Each structure stands twice: as structure tokens, then as C-alpha cells.
Amino acid sequence: MNTIEIKAGEKVKLNVKISSDANAGSNVSLNDAVIKKSITNNFNVELGEIEQLDDNTLSVVSNFFVLGGNIDAIIETTHVVNTFASETSSTEVTSEKVKISSVLFMAYIVVKFKKV
């Protein structure tokens, strides 16, 4: 699990960029409660001030459906980049990918926030 450190008093934004030939659906969850669902390949989430996020866990999970083609090749070329930004910092975290079946795979991250 990555730790995202943000200075006190700053607001945090998340940008998720997905590059894939598969169809994707994503959920962003804070402490296991879904706060954003998306079926687009580029989306933003206003997460709020670090004081509200401190010591909380956030996950971004994207499920990919392969309608045709070689799933292993599509997994290899799929990239999901999650950028956490505040007024003074920016941190990129690349999602891990896991094959689930011959037509389904997922990409995910889990991070914890820390106020500094």
C-alpha cells in the first residue's frame, strides 16, 4: 500500500487515466464506501481537504472486459495512472493488473493518506 503525503490545509484531487483496448468500468472507494463510479477512460474526483482524509484508505478498482482478441496482449498494453494532486504536490501511482478469466481482468491501487 502506498502512502500519499499531503501538507496540512491542502485539498486533494484524483485524476485517473486509463489506456486500454478493453471496455472499462471503475469504482473509487474511500474506507470501502464507493464515492465515484465511472465508465470513461479519463476522470477526476475532488477528494476534499487532507484533514478529512488523514489516515483514511482509498482504492481505485477498474474492471476490464475483453470482447475480442488476445487478453494477455491487451493486459500488457493497458495502463492505468492515478495522479493525486494538491496545491503543492503531485504523486502518480500506477495500478497493478490481475487476470481474472479469459475475458476479464482488473487493475487496482490501494493508498493511505497522511497529513504532514
Protein backbone atom coordinates (compact mmCIF):
# COMPACT_ATOMS: atom_id res chain seq x y z
CA MET A 1 0.00 0.00 0.00
CA ASN A 2 1.33 3.42 -0.97
CA THR A 3 1.12 6.40 1.37
CA ILE A 4 0.17 9.76 -0.11
CA GLU A 5 1.56 12.62 1.98
CA ILE A 6 -0.20 15.98 1.72
CA LYS A 7 0.54 19.22 3.58
CA ALA A 8 -1.99 20.36 6.20
CA GLY A 9 -4.75 22.59 4.87
CA GLU A 10 -4.50 21.43 1.25
CA LYS A 11 -7.26 19.99 -0.93
CA VAL A 12 -6.67 16.70 -2.74
CA LYS A 13 -7.77 15.80 -6.26
CA LEU A 14 -7.52 12.46 -8.04
CA ASN A 15 -7.19 12.04 -11.80
CA VAL A 16 -7.48 8.55 -13.30
CA LYS A 17 -6.21 7.98 -16.85
CA ILE A 18 -6.89 4.63 -18.50
CA SER A 19 -5.30 3.49 -21.75
CA SER A 20 -6.74 0.16 -22.94
CA ASP A 21 -8.35 -1.65 -25.86
CA ALA A 22 -10.78 -3.26 -23.41
CA ASN A 23 -14.01 -1.78 -22.06
CA ALA A 24 -13.54 -0.48 -18.51
CA GLY A 25 -15.69 0.37 -15.52
CA SER A 26 -14.13 1.91 -12.41
CA ASN A 27 -15.01 2.49 -8.76
CA VAL A 28 -13.24 4.86 -6.39
CA SER A 29 -13.81 3.95 -2.73
CA LEU A 30 -12.89 5.74 0.49
CA ASN A 31 -12.83 3.42 3.52
CA ASP A 32 -14.73 0.80 1.47
CA ALA A 33 -17.58 3.19 0.53
CA VAL A 34 -17.90 3.96 -3.19
CA ILE A 35 -17.57 7.70 -3.81
CA LYS A 36 -17.29 7.67 -7.62
CA LYS A 37 -18.25 5.31 -10.44
CA SER A 38 -17.05 5.86 -13.98
CA ILE A 39 -17.18 4.18 -17.38
CA THR A 40 -14.89 6.76 -19.01
CA ASN A 41 -11.13 6.44 -19.56
CA ASN A 42 -10.21 9.81 -18.01
CA PHE A 43 -11.98 11.15 -14.94
CA ASN A 44 -11.41 13.38 -11.91
CA VAL A 45 -12.53 13.15 -8.29
CA GLU A 46 -12.43 16.02 -5.79
CA LEU A 47 -11.46 14.20 -2.59
CA GLY A 48 -11.55 17.17 -0.19
CA GLU A 49 -9.15 18.52 2.41
CA ILE A 50 -6.39 16.35 3.84
CA GLU A 51 -7.75 16.86 7.36
CA GLN A 52 -10.81 14.81 6.30
CA LEU A 53 -8.68 12.20 4.51
CA ASP A 54 -5.85 11.76 7.05
CA ASP A 55 -5.33 8.06 7.93
CA ASN A 56 -8.11 7.01 5.51
CA THR A 57 -7.71 4.33 2.84
CA LEU A 58 -8.67 4.91 -0.79
CA SER A 59 -8.92 2.31 -3.54
CA VAL A 60 -9.38 2.64 -7.29
CA VAL A 61 -10.55 -0.56 -8.97
CA SER A 62 -11.13 -0.86 -12.71
CA ASN A 63 -12.64 -3.95 -14.31
CA PHE A 64 -11.79 -4.56 -17.96
CA PHE A 65 -13.89 -6.64 -20.34
CA VAL A 66 -12.21 -8.02 -23.46
CA LEU A 67 -14.74 -8.55 -26.24
CA GLY A 68 -12.28 -9.96 -28.75
CA GLY A 69 -8.58 -10.50 -29.18
CA ASN A 70 -5.78 -11.83 -27.04
CA ILE A 71 -6.45 -10.85 -23.41
CA ASP A 72 -2.80 -11.28 -22.43
CA ALA A 73 -1.69 -8.79 -25.10
CA ILE A 74 -4.42 -6.34 -24.04
CA ILE A 75 -3.39 -6.64 -20.37
CA GLU A 76 0.22 -5.97 -21.35
CA THR A 77 -0.64 -2.76 -23.22
CA THR A 78 -3.22 -1.47 -20.69
CA HIS A 79 -2.04 1.34 -18.42
CA VAL A 80 -3.90 2.98 -15.52
CA VAL A 81 -2.22 6.03 -13.98
CA ASN A 82 -3.69 7.60 -10.85
CA THR A 83 -2.48 11.12 -10.06
CA PHE A 84 -3.06 12.60 -6.62
CA ALA A 85 -2.56 16.37 -6.62
CA SER A 86 -2.77 19.19 -4.11
CA GLU A 87 -1.73 22.84 -4.23
CA THR A 88 1.97 21.98 -3.71
CA SER A 89 2.45 18.32 -4.67
CA SER A 90 1.58 15.65 -7.21
CA THR A 91 2.08 11.89 -6.90
CA GLU A 92 1.48 9.26 -9.59
CA VAL A 93 0.60 5.66 -8.72
CA THR A 94 0.30 3.03 -11.46
CA SER A 95 -2.37 0.38 -10.96
CA GLU A 96 -1.47 -3.29 -10.61
CA LYS A 97 -3.15 -5.64 -13.13
CA VAL A 98 -4.61 -9.09 -12.46
CA LYS A 99 -6.13 -11.52 -14.99
CA ILE A 100 -9.40 -12.99 -13.71
CA SER A 101 -10.65 -15.02 -16.68
CA SER A 102 -10.23 -15.28 -20.45
CA VAL A 103 -12.40 -12.16 -20.93
CA LEU A 104 -11.95 -10.22 -17.67
CA PHE A 105 -9.08 -8.53 -15.83
CA MET A 106 -8.78 -5.82 -13.23
CA ALA A 107 -6.39 -3.02 -12.31
CA TYR A 108 -6.26 -1.60 -8.80
CA ILE A 109 -4.46 0.55 -6.26
CA VAL A 110 -4.86 0.98 -2.53
CA VAL A 111 -3.39 4.06 -0.85
CA LYS A 112 -3.43 5.64 2.59
CA PHE A 113 -3.41 9.40 3.18
CA LYS A 114 -1.14 11.11 5.65
CA LYS A 115 -1.21 14.76 6.66
CA VAL A 116 2.28 16.26 7.03
